[in-house]
């Protein structure tokens, strides 16, 4: 560590998880920078929490069908980004799945929220001039699939505005970093979530991981998760892990839901946002895990062998390979008990300069 800089790490409960913020900067300035970063996250929570009946999001859900509502700039930016993602993905990202999450007991029931229409979707959330929103049908929206990433981005902006030389914000699977030192991204094994493996190193940019290791629950003789397919409004029972890398955490966060919903369709959407997806899934053949990386394929045509949208839990390992890896490259598989992995320095693909995500690809060779 440079003697001219000091390093601090702080953690607080926010956004339904523990948020860790680390910063490196001039002595006497780091603590204040971290305080400002936490304040930015707290502001997003106050505005966009579904659980909080006094939040701006709750006001939208109560009155959004009655008349246009003027929004805070932060809420407006998140709604605009959500709309763009919904359009790009043909509704594979949809913020109107809140009624399904409420029915499953994942989101709370608010007595003063109007009953939602069964036929409403993202197209019925109208964004109007003057930072206004109005529901065209009685829908209820939940921003938890995108707002947490936005909060991480705001925290990073606060650290940079305070003159920090390096920083990291980790909000329970949503991560963004900047600075010269590489950060190793770890993910939990789907079939053994108490164990983690290193996927890759990241110097700058964002990574978001979506999985349901600890959020599964039994409902009507079936294990379900908070991962909802927007087209069918059905809960997935999948335990696969999806990690998306992008230039900002808001889009990385939201794109994990697109990949979860339909891996085959996701490749072109990832390319549009200059993002990258890594899927980790249990390998039933050897009891280990398999890793699929969208960076291996520049195009992803929809294979005739893939099931219809809405049946994502029936997508086999072979289909994942077709969707996110060229057929000439075998999916990497590691048996159970394999030691942690090291990178192969002979393979160092660079992500686009525009998104500033500098990655060292892991070849998954036993250390």
Protein backbone atom coordinates (compact mmCIF):
# COMPACT_ATOMS: atom_id res chain seq x y z
CA UNK A 1 0.00 0.00 0.00
CA UNK A 2 1.30 3.45 -0.92
CA UNK A 3 2.24 5.39 2.24
CA UNK A 4 0.45 8.43 0.81
CA UNK A 5 -2.91 6.66 0.84
CA UNK A 6 -5.06 4.97 3.45
CA UNK A 7 -7.49 2.11 2.99
CA UNK A 8 -10.78 1.60 4.82
CA UNK A 9 -13.54 -1.03 4.67
CA UNK A 10 -16.99 -0.52 6.18
CA UNK A 11 -20.23 -2.57 6.11
CA UNK A 12 -23.86 -1.73 6.88
CA UNK A 13 -27.23 -3.49 6.50
CA UNK A 14 -28.94 -1.90 3.50
CA UNK A 15 -30.95 -3.04 0.48
CA UNK A 16 -31.99 -6.22 2.26
CA UNK A 17 -28.39 -7.39 2.59
CA UNK A 18 -25.04 -6.32 4.03
CA UNK A 19 -23.36 -3.69 1.87
CA UNK A 20 -19.56 -3.54 2.05
CA UNK A 21 -17.73 -0.45 0.84
CA UNK A 22 -13.96 -0.27 0.54
CA UNK A 23 -12.00 2.83 -0.50
CA UNK A 24 -8.42 3.96 -0.91
CA UNK A 25 -7.53 7.63 -0.90
CA UNK A 26 -5.75 10.52 0.74
CA UNK A 27 -5.47 10.33 4.54
CA UNK A 28 -8.35 12.03 6.31
CA UNK A 29 -10.72 11.81 3.34
CA UNK A 30 -11.56 8.13 3.09
CA UNK A 31 -14.03 7.84 5.97
CA UNK A 32 -16.08 10.78 4.70
CA UNK A 33 -16.11 9.36 1.19
CA UNK A 34 -17.45 6.04 2.46
CA UNK A 35 -20.10 7.88 4.51
CA UNK A 36 -21.25 9.68 1.36
CA UNK A 37 -21.37 6.41 -0.54
CA UNK A 38 -23.57 4.81 2.12
CA UNK A 39 -25.83 7.87 2.05
CA UNK A 40 -26.33 7.43 -1.70
CA UNK A 41 -27.39 3.82 -1.19
CA UNK A 42 -29.73 4.75 1.66
CA UNK A 43 -31.41 7.31 -0.59
CA UNK A 44 -32.15 4.66 -3.22
CA UNK A 45 -33.54 2.36 -0.55
CA UNK A 46 -35.82 5.11 0.76
CA UNK A 47 -37.12 5.81 -2.74
CA UNK A 48 -37.47 2.34 -4.25
CA UNK A 49 -38.12 -0.13 -1.45
CA UNK A 50 -41.19 -2.30 -2.06
CA UNK A 51 -41.21 -3.28 1.61
CA UNK A 52 -41.40 0.32 2.85
CA UNK A 53 -45.00 1.63 2.63
CA UNK A 54 -43.70 5.22 2.71
CA UNK A 55 -41.32 4.89 -0.26
CA UNK A 56 -41.88 6.59 -3.57
CA UNK A 57 -42.30 3.17 -5.16
CA UNK A 58 -45.16 2.41 -2.77
CA UNK A 59 -46.78 5.71 -3.70
CA UNK A 60 -46.52 4.73 -7.38
CA UNK A 61 -48.11 1.35 -6.67
CA UNK A 62 -50.97 2.96 -4.73
CA UNK A 63 -51.81 5.86 -7.01
CA UNK A 64 -50.10 5.22 -10.35
CA UNK A 65 -53.33 4.14 -12.08
CA UNK A 66 -55.32 7.14 -10.85
CA UNK A 67 -53.18 9.97 -12.25
CA UNK A 68 -49.66 10.74 -13.50
CA UNK A 69 -47.09 11.04 -10.71
CA UNK A 70 -43.94 13.17 -10.80
CA UNK A 71 -40.88 11.20 -9.70
CA UNK A 72 -37.51 11.78 -8.10
CA UNK A 73 -34.70 11.82 -10.65
CA UNK A 74 -33.25 8.54 -9.34
CA UNK A 75 -36.55 6.65 -9.62
CA UNK A 76 -37.09 8.10 -13.07
CA UNK A 77 -33.67 6.93 -14.29
CA UNK A 78 -34.28 3.40 -13.02
CA UNK A 79 -37.72 3.25 -14.65
CA UNK A 80 -36.28 4.47 -17.96
CA UNK A 81 -33.55 1.86 -17.85
CA UNK A 82 -36.09 -0.85 -16.97
CA UNK A 83 -38.26 0.19 -19.90
CA UNK A 84 -35.33 0.05 -22.32
CA UNK A 85 -34.34 -3.42 -21.07
CA UNK A 86 -37.92 -4.66 -21.39
CA UNK A 87 -38.10 -3.43 -24.97
CA UNK A 88 -34.71 -4.92 -25.86
CA UNK A 89 -35.57 -8.31 -24.34
CA UNK A 90 -39.20 -8.53 -25.49
CA UNK A 91 -40.31 -8.54 -21.89
CA UNK A 92 -37.79 -11.01 -20.45
CA UNK A 93 -37.11 -8.21 -18.00
CA UNK A 94 -40.38 -7.01 -16.51
CA UNK A 95 -40.85 -4.96 -13.35
CA UNK A 96 -44.57 -5.84 -13.09
CA UNK A 97 -44.00 -9.31 -11.62
CA UNK A 98 -44.63 -7.98 -8.09
CA UNK A 99 -48.06 -9.69 -7.74
CA UNK A 100 -46.45 -13.09 -8.36
CA UNK A 101 -43.76 -12.40 -5.78
CA UNK A 102 -46.45 -11.33 -3.32
CA UNK A 103 -48.47 -14.48 -3.95
CA UNK A 104 -45.38 -16.57 -3.22
CA UNK A 105 -44.77 -14.70 0.02
CA UNK A 106 -41.51 -13.19 -1.20
CA UNK A 107 -42.84 -9.62 -1.18
CA UNK A 108 -45.15 -8.32 1.57
CA UNK A 109 -48.84 -7.65 1.08
CA UNK A 110 -49.82 -4.00 1.47
CA UNK A 111 -53.48 -3.52 2.32
CA UNK A 112 -53.74 -0.18 0.52
CA UNK A 113 -52.28 -1.44 -2.77
CA UNK A 114 -55.01 -1.93 -5.39
CA UNK A 115 -55.61 -5.38 -6.83
CA UNK A 116 -53.46 -5.91 -9.91
CA UNK A 117 -54.79 -6.92 -13.32
CA UNK A 118 -53.80 -10.37 -14.52
CA UNK A 119 -53.17 -8.95 -17.99
CA UNK A 120 -50.82 -6.12 -17.09
CA UNK A 121 -47.16 -6.04 -18.03
CA UNK A 122 -44.29 -3.63 -18.60
CA UNK A 123 -46.06 -2.03 -21.57
CA UNK A 124 -48.66 -0.64 -19.19
CA UNK A 125 -46.12 1.48 -17.29
CA UNK A 126 -46.19 4.75 -19.25
CA UNK A 127 -43.29 7.16 -18.88
CA UNK A 128 -44.49 10.68 -19.61
CA UNK A 129 -42.73 14.04 -20.14
CA UNK A 130 -41.72 15.88 -17.00
CA UNK A 131 -40.42 12.78 -15.18
CA UNK A 132 -43.94 11.44 -14.74
CA UNK A 133 -45.29 7.91 -14.69
CA UNK A 134 -48.79 6.49 -15.02
CA UNK A 135 -50.14 2.94 -15.12
CA UNK A 136 -52.34 2.15 -18.11
CA UNK A 137 -53.66 -0.90 -16.26
CA UNK A 138 -53.72 -1.76 -12.59
CA UNK A 139 -50.23 -3.20 -12.26
CA UNK A 140 -47.78 -3.32 -9.37
CA UNK A 141 -44.07 -2.87 -9.93
CA UNK A 142 -41.00 -4.07 -8.05
CA UNK A 143 -37.59 -2.56 -8.79
CA UNK A 144 -35.48 -4.94 -6.71
CA UNK A 145 -34.09 -6.56 -9.87
CA UNK A 146 -32.43 -3.34 -11.00
CA UNK A 147 -32.44 -0.73 -8.21
CA UNK A 148 -29.79 -2.48 -6.12
CA UNK A 149 -27.36 -2.27 -9.02
CA UNK A 150 -28.23 1.39 -9.49
CA UNK A 151 -27.52 2.03 -5.81
CA UNK A 152 -24.09 0.40 -6.17
CA UNK A 153 -23.36 2.67 -9.16
CA UNK A 154 -24.32 5.77 -7.15
CA UNK A 155 -22.04 4.68 -4.32
CA UNK A 156 -19.14 4.26 -6.73
CA UNK A 157 -19.84 7.72 -8.15
CA UNK A 158 -19.73 9.13 -4.64
CA UNK A 159 -16.34 7.54 -3.96
CA UNK A 160 -14.95 8.85 -7.25
CA UNK A 161 -16.37 12.33 -6.67
CA UNK A 162 -14.63 12.36 -3.28
CA UNK A 163 -11.29 11.76 -4.99
CA UNK A 164 -10.73 8.13 -4.04
CA UNK A 165 -7.98 6.33 -5.95
CA UNK A 166 -9.70 2.94 -5.75
CA UNK A 167 -12.95 1.57 -4.44
CA UNK A 168 -15.25 -1.40 -4.17
CA UNK A 169 -18.96 -1.65 -3.40
CA UNK A 170 -20.43 -5.10 -2.79
CA UNK A 171 -24.16 -5.38 -2.11
CA UNK A 172 -24.90 -9.06 -1.72
CA UNK A 173 -23.92 -10.23 -5.18
CA UNK A 174 -23.93 -6.84 -6.91
CA UNK A 175 -20.35 -5.62 -7.18
CA UNK A 176 -18.56 -2.72 -8.83
CA UNK A 177 -14.90 -1.76 -8.57
CA UNK A 178 -12.44 0.83 -9.83
CA UNK A 179 -8.71 1.33 -9.41
CA UNK A 180 -5.56 -0.46 -10.48
CA UNK A 181 -5.74 -3.60 -8.34
CA UNK A 182 -7.67 -6.55 -9.74
CA UNK A 183 -10.58 -7.98 -7.76
CA UNK A 184 -11.23 -11.71 -7.98
CA UNK A 185 -14.90 -12.55 -8.56
CA UNK A 186 -16.06 -15.63 -6.65
CA UNK A 187 -19.39 -17.42 -7.02
CA UNK A 188 -20.98 -20.13 -4.92
CA UNK A 189 -21.36 -23.63 -6.28
CA UNK A 190 -25.04 -24.23 -7.11
CA UNK A 191 -25.13 -27.65 -5.46
CA UNK A 192 -22.86 -26.68 -2.55
CA UNK A 193 -23.46 -22.97 -1.81
CA UNK A 194 -21.16 -22.98 1.21
CA UNK A 195 -18.27 -23.41 -1.26
CA UNK A 196 -17.12 -20.75 -3.72
CA UNK A 197 -14.94 -20.78 -6.82
CA UNK A 198 -13.03 -17.89 -8.42
CA UNK A 199 -14.38 -17.10 -11.89
CA UNK A 200 -12.22 -14.22 -13.10
CA UNK A 201 -10.35 -11.07 -12.13
CA UNK A 202 -11.81 -7.61 -12.71
CA UNK A 203 -9.93 -4.31 -12.64
CA UNK A 204 -12.84 -1.98 -13.34
CA UNK A 205 -16.51 -2.49 -14.03
CA UNK A 206 -19.39 -4.36 -12.49
CA UNK A 207 -20.53 -7.90 -11.84
CA UNK A 208 -23.92 -9.12 -10.64
CA UNK A 209 -24.79 -12.67 -9.66
CA UNK A 210 -28.30 -14.07 -9.58
CA UNK A 211 -29.05 -17.38 -7.90
CA UNK A 212 -31.49 -18.77 -5.38
CA UNK A 213 -29.28 -20.89 -3.15
CA UNK A 214 -30.81 -19.62 0.08
CA UNK A 215 -34.16 -18.29 -1.17
CA UNK A 216 -35.84 -21.55 -2.12
CA UNK A 217 -39.14 -22.44 -0.53
CA UNK A 218 -41.70 -25.20 -0.89
CA UNK A 219 -45.07 -24.32 -2.36
CA UNK A 220 -47.73 -26.80 -3.46
CA UNK A 221 -45.36 -29.78 -3.38
CA UNK A 222 -42.75 -27.92 -5.45
CA UNK A 223 -39.56 -26.06 -4.66
CA UNK A 224 -39.79 -22.49 -6.02
CA UNK A 225 -37.46 -19.49 -6.01
CA UNK A 226 -37.89 -15.71 -6.38
CA UNK A 227 -36.76 -16.08 -10.03
CA UNK A 228 -39.95 -15.44 -12.01
CA UNK A 229 -40.33 -15.90 -15.75
CA UNK A 230 -42.09 -12.71 -16.90
CA UNK A 231 -43.98 -14.37 -19.78
CA UNK A 232 -45.52 -17.20 -17.78
CA UNK A 233 -45.36 -15.63 -14.30
CA UNK A 234 -44.12 -18.98 -13.04
CA UNK A 235 -41.44 -19.42 -10.38
CA UNK A 236 -38.29 -21.27 -11.33
CA UNK A 237 -36.91 -24.17 -9.33
CA UNK A 238 -33.47 -23.78 -10.93
CA UNK A 239 -30.37 -23.51 -8.77
CA UNK A 240 -27.97 -22.44 -11.50
CA UNK A 241 -25.86 -19.35 -10.92
CA UNK A 242 -25.82 -16.50 -13.45
CA UNK A 243 -23.09 -13.85 -13.31
CA UNK A 244 -23.22 -10.90 -15.71
CA UNK A 245 -20.34 -8.48 -16.23
CA UNK A 246 -20.97 -5.00 -17.60
CA UNK A 247 -19.70 -1.46 -17.38
CA UNK A 248 -22.26 -0.54 -14.70
CA UNK A 249 -23.98 -2.52 -12.00
CA UNK A 250 -27.55 -1.46 -12.81
CA UNK A 251 -27.44 -3.20 -16.19
CA UNK A 252 -25.44 -6.14 -14.89
CA UNK A 253 -28.08 -6.66 -12.18
CA UNK A 254 -31.02 -6.52 -14.59
CA UNK A 255 -29.39 -8.66 -17.28
CA UNK A 256 -28.98 -11.59 -14.89
CA UNK A 257 -32.78 -11.91 -14.96
CA UNK A 258 -32.80 -11.93 -18.76
CA UNK A 259 -30.22 -14.72 -18.87
CA UNK A 260 -32.10 -16.69 -16.23
CA UNK A 261 -35.32 -16.41 -18.21
CA UNK A 262 -34.01 -17.42 -21.63
CA UNK A 263 -30.30 -18.14 -22.19
CA UNK A 264 -30.69 -18.52 -25.96
CA UNK A 265 -32.33 -15.13 -26.43
CA UNK A 266 -29.99 -13.49 -23.94
CA UNK A 267 -26.84 -13.58 -26.07
CA UNK A 268 -27.93 -10.87 -28.50
CA UNK A 269 -29.14 -8.70 -25.62
CA UNK A 270 -25.84 -9.12 -23.80
CA UNK A 271 -24.05 -8.06 -26.97
CA UNK A 272 -26.25 -4.98 -27.26
CA UNK A 273 -25.20 -3.88 -23.78
CA UNK A 274 -21.58 -5.00 -24.23
CA UNK A 275 -22.05 -7.42 -21.36
CA UNK A 276 -20.92 -10.95 -20.67
CA UNK A 277 -22.58 -13.86 -18.87
CA UNK A 278 -21.04 -16.78 -17.01
CA UNK A 279 -23.30 -19.67 -16.01
CA UNK A 280 -22.29 -22.14 -13.31
CA UNK A 281 -24.40 -25.27 -13.05
CA UNK A 282 -24.20 -28.58 -11.25
CA UNK A 283 -22.77 -31.41 -13.36
CA UNK A 284 -24.79 -34.55 -12.51
CA UNK A 285 -22.30 -36.75 -14.39
CA UNK A 286 -19.35 -36.31 -12.02
CA UNK A 287 -20.95 -34.45 -9.13
CA UNK A 288 -18.92 -31.30 -9.86
CA UNK A 289 -19.86 -28.21 -11.83
CA UNK A 290 -19.88 -26.92 -15.40
CA UNK A 291 -19.13 -23.37 -16.55
CA UNK A 292 -20.53 -21.71 -19.68
CA UNK A 293 -19.25 -18.34 -20.88
CA UNK A 294 -21.00 -16.12 -23.44
CA UNK A 295 -17.61 -14.58 -24.33
CA UNK A 296 -16.87 -17.70 -26.38
CA UNK A 297 -19.61 -16.90 -28.87
CA UNK A 298 -20.12 -13.76 -30.93
CA UNK A 299 -23.57 -14.86 -32.08
CA UNK A 300 -26.24 -17.04 -30.58
CA UNK A 301 -28.93 -18.23 -32.99
CA UNK A 302 -31.96 -19.84 -31.40
CA UNK A 303 -31.54 -23.57 -31.83
CA UNK A 304 -34.52 -25.65 -32.90
CA UNK A 305 -33.66 -27.99 -30.05
CA UNK A 306 -34.29 -25.34 -27.41
CA UNK A 307 -37.65 -25.52 -25.60
CA UNK A 308 -40.22 -22.72 -25.87
CA UNK A 309 -39.81 -19.64 -23.72
CA UNK A 310 -41.20 -20.19 -20.26
CA UNK A 311 -39.77 -23.70 -19.97
CA UNK A 312 -36.31 -22.58 -18.96
CA UNK A 313 -35.99 -25.15 -16.19
CA UNK A 314 -36.03 -27.88 -18.84
CA UNK A 315 -33.01 -26.45 -20.66
CA UNK A 316 -30.38 -29.18 -20.58
CA UNK A 317 -26.66 -28.73 -20.18
CA UNK A 318 -26.28 -29.49 -23.87
CA UNK A 319 -28.72 -26.71 -24.71
CA UNK A 320 -26.85 -24.28 -22.52
CA UNK A 321 -23.76 -25.18 -24.49
CA UNK A 322 -25.60 -24.49 -27.74
CA UNK A 323 -26.88 -21.20 -26.38
CA UNK A 324 -23.78 -19.68 -24.87
CA UNK A 325 -20.77 -21.59 -26.21
CA UNK A 326 -19.59 -22.53 -29.69
CA UNK A 327 -20.01 -26.24 -30.30
CA UNK A 328 -16.31 -26.61 -31.04
CA UNK A 329 -15.41 -25.67 -27.48
CA UNK A 330 -16.44 -28.25 -24.87
CA UNK A 331 -18.04 -26.95 -21.70
CA UNK A 332 -15.52 -27.00 -18.88
CA UNK A 333 -16.34 -29.49 -16.17
CA UNK A 334 -14.67 -30.00 -12.81
CA UNK A 335 -15.30 -32.93 -10.46
CA UNK A 336 -16.37 -32.45 -6.88
CA UNK A 337 -13.49 -31.71 -4.54
CA UNK A 338 -11.39 -29.95 -7.18
CA UNK A 339 -9.07 -27.37 -5.57
CA UNK A 340 -9.54 -23.68 -6.19
CA UNK A 341 -8.55 -22.64 -9.66
CA UNK A 342 -5.86 -20.46 -11.14
CA UNK A 343 -5.91 -18.53 -14.37
CA UNK A 344 -4.01 -19.59 -17.44
CA UNK A 345 -1.87 -16.53 -18.33
CA UNK A 346 -1.69 -17.65 -21.96
CA UNK A 347 -5.34 -16.66 -22.44
CA UNK A 348 -6.14 -13.06 -21.60
CA UNK A 349 -9.11 -11.86 -23.68
CA UNK A 350 -10.00 -8.20 -23.16
CA UNK A 351 -13.55 -6.96 -22.87
CA UNK A 352 -14.42 -3.89 -24.95
CA UNK A 353 -12.50 -0.73 -24.09
CA UNK A 354 -15.78 1.12 -24.02
CA UNK A 355 -17.13 -0.78 -21.02
CA UNK A 356 -13.74 -0.72 -19.24
CA UNK A 357 -14.17 -4.23 -17.88
CA UNK A 358 -10.69 -5.73 -18.02
CA UNK A 359 -10.86 -9.46 -17.48
CA UNK A 360 -8.49 -12.38 -17.24
CA UNK A 361 -10.34 -15.47 -18.38
CA UNK A 362 -10.05 -18.50 -16.12
CA UNK A 363 -9.29 -21.72 -17.94
CA UNK A 364 -10.22 -23.73 -14.83
CA UNK A 365 -6.96 -25.62 -14.43
CA UNK A 366 -6.46 -27.18 -11.01
CA UNK A 367 -3.93 -25.21 -9.00
